[in-house]
Protein backbone atom coordinates (compact mmCIF):
# COMPACT_ATOMS: atom_id res chain seq x y z
CA UNK A 1 -23.17 7.08 -21.73
CA UNK A 2 -25.36 9.25 -19.27
CA UNK A 3 -24.10 10.19 -15.87
CA UNK A 4 -26.78 8.12 -14.13
CA UNK A 5 -25.76 4.77 -16.04
CA UNK A 6 -22.21 5.55 -15.06
CA UNK A 7 -23.24 6.04 -11.28
CA UNK A 8 -25.39 2.75 -11.72
CA UNK A 9 -22.66 0.74 -12.76
CA UNK A 10 -20.15 2.09 -10.03
CA UNK A 11 -22.91 1.12 -7.34
CA UNK A 12 -23.30 -2.26 -8.86
CA UNK A 13 -19.33 -2.70 -8.72
CA UNK A 14 -19.08 -1.78 -5.56
CA UNK A 15 -21.87 -4.10 -4.13
CA UNK A 16 -20.24 -6.99 -6.05
CA UNK A 17 -16.98 -6.33 -4.68
CA UNK A 18 -18.45 -6.09 -1.13
CA UNK A 19 -20.12 -9.29 -1.60
CA UNK A 20 -16.89 -11.05 -2.93
CA UNK A 21 -15.11 -9.87 0.17
CA UNK A 22 -17.68 -11.17 2.46
CA UNK A 23 -17.36 -14.32 0.96
CA UNK A 24 -13.89 -14.99 1.86
CA UNK A 25 -14.68 -14.17 5.51
CA UNK A 26 -17.57 -17.01 5.74
CA UNK A 27 -15.85 -19.50 7.97
CA UNK A 28 -16.13 -23.33 7.31
CA UNK A 29 -15.56 -26.05 9.83
CA UNK A 30 -12.00 -26.38 10.70
CA UNK A 31 -9.89 -28.92 12.88
CA UNK A 32 -7.68 -28.13 15.74
CA UNK A 33 -4.56 -28.46 13.57
CA UNK A 34 -5.82 -25.80 11.18
CA UNK A 35 -6.74 -23.38 14.13
CA UNK A 36 -3.20 -23.89 15.47
CA UNK A 37 -1.65 -22.79 12.05
CA UNK A 38 -3.45 -19.42 12.88
CA UNK A 39 -3.66 -18.38 16.45
CA UNK A 40 -5.92 -15.85 17.40
CA UNK A 41 -8.24 -16.29 14.43
CA UNK A 42 -11.74 -17.48 15.18
CA UNK A 43 -12.97 -20.98 13.79
CA UNK A 44 -15.80 -23.35 14.12
CA UNK A 45 -14.88 -26.92 15.19
CA UNK A 46 -17.00 -29.89 14.89
CA UNK A 47 -15.89 -32.38 17.37
CA UNK A 48 -17.12 -34.95 20.24
CA UNK A 49 -16.55 -34.84 24.15
CA UNK A 50 -13.47 -36.89 25.13
CA UNK A 51 -13.77 -38.48 28.62
CA UNK A 52 -11.52 -41.35 28.07
CA UNK A 53 -8.49 -40.02 29.74
CA UNK A 54 -9.31 -36.60 30.68
CA UNK A 55 -11.99 -35.33 33.00
CA UNK A 56 -14.25 -32.07 32.79
CA UNK A 57 -13.65 -29.50 35.46
CA UNK A 58 -16.23 -26.80 36.42
CA UNK A 59 -16.30 -25.23 40.16
CA UNK A 60 -18.98 -22.38 40.18
CA UNK A 61 -17.66 -21.19 43.66
CA UNK A 62 -14.22 -20.67 42.30
CA UNK A 63 -14.95 -19.33 38.81
CA UNK A 64 -18.80 -19.82 37.54
CA UNK A 65 -17.74 -18.52 34.26
CA UNK A 66 -14.89 -21.10 33.37
CA UNK A 67 -15.82 -24.72 32.25
CA UNK A 68 -12.81 -26.86 30.67
CA UNK A 69 -13.03 -30.27 28.93
CA UNK A 70 -11.30 -32.07 26.39
CA UNK A 71 -12.89 -32.33 22.75
CA UNK A 72 -12.07 -34.56 19.79
CA UNK A 73 -12.33 -33.27 16.49
CA UNK A 74 -13.31 -34.91 13.21
CA UNK A 75 -9.77 -35.64 12.38
CA UNK A 76 -9.16 -37.52 15.75
CA UNK A 77 -6.93 -34.72 17.46
CA UNK A 78 -7.86 -34.46 21.23
CA UNK A 79 -7.49 -30.82 22.80
CA UNK A 80 -8.08 -29.01 26.01
CA UNK A 81 -11.34 -26.53 25.38
CA UNK A 82 -11.96 -23.84 27.75
CA UNK A 83 -15.28 -22.49 27.60
CA UNK A 84 -15.89 -18.85 28.87
CA UNK A 85 -19.47 -19.60 30.49
CA UNK A 86 -21.19 -22.02 32.82
CA UNK A 87 -21.23 -25.66 32.13
CA UNK A 88 -24.20 -26.41 29.71
CA UNK A 89 -27.15 -28.69 31.20
CA UNK A 90 -26.80 -32.31 30.07
CA UNK A 91 -23.31 -31.35 28.51
CA UNK A 92 -22.25 -35.32 29.20
CA UNK A 93 -25.24 -36.35 26.67
CA UNK A 94 -24.30 -34.36 23.94
CA UNK A 95 -23.47 -36.36 20.86
CA UNK A 96 -21.73 -33.49 18.80
CA UNK A 97 -20.26 -30.26 19.79
CA UNK A 98 -20.09 -27.22 17.25
CA UNK A 99 -17.23 -25.18 19.05
CA UNK A 100 -16.41 -21.52 18.24
CA UNK A 101 -13.43 -20.01 19.45
CA UNK A 102 -9.61 -19.51 18.72
CA UNK A 103 -6.62 -21.25 19.76
CA UNK A 104 -4.11 -19.67 22.24
CA UNK A 105 -1.40 -21.65 23.91
CA UNK A 106 -2.23 -24.99 22.88
CA UNK A 107 -5.74 -24.59 24.16
CA UNK A 108 -9.05 -23.75 22.20
CA UNK A 109 -10.79 -20.78 23.84
CA UNK A 110 -14.31 -21.32 23.20
CA UNK A 111 -17.04 -18.45 23.30
CA UNK A 112 -19.59 -20.75 21.96
CA UNK A 113 -20.93 -24.11 22.02
CA UNK A 114 -23.68 -25.63 19.93
CA UNK A 115 -24.78 -29.09 21.45
CA UNK A 116 -26.58 -31.84 19.20
CA UNK A 117 -28.19 -33.91 21.67
CA UNK A 118 -29.78 -37.40 21.19
CA UNK A 119 -33.13 -36.14 22.68
CA UNK A 120 -36.08 -35.46 20.08
CA UNK A 121 -36.92 -32.55 22.27
CA UNK A 122 -33.74 -31.12 22.55
CA UNK A 123 -32.45 -30.84 19.21
CA UNK A 124 -29.69 -28.21 19.29
CA UNK A 125 -28.93 -26.25 22.06
CA UNK A 126 -26.83 -23.30 21.82
CA UNK A 127 -24.65 -21.92 24.54
CA UNK A 128 -22.99 -18.68 24.58
CA UNK A 129 -19.96 -17.67 27.05
CA UNK A 130 -18.72 -14.23 28.02
CA UNK A 131 -15.88 -13.13 26.19
CA UNK A 132 -12.35 -13.49 28.02
């Protein structure tokens, strides 16, 4: 076998190994329970705003980059979510939330929220917070 063929095979093997290692890093949607099992690891959780027993809290004078609310995931578990950013406009009207963040001390520390809004003009809105 020629040297060029061996080098080409090695390059192809490295590329395939790189692709396979990246496939393991792609995150699928999780629940609060699975996020609690791996604290510190970042997850995406789909849920809805839960205002039945808990109120949202946002005080722009005290801390403009802290917005807290409660969300219910797809399995029905409700957790406190701390978003490191300003309260998104029309947040109360969102039908569904896709939250990116990690669990810390029983709270979901959220760095990014994708809101699914009912309006045909506001299909999806992405809100990105500042890292804490």
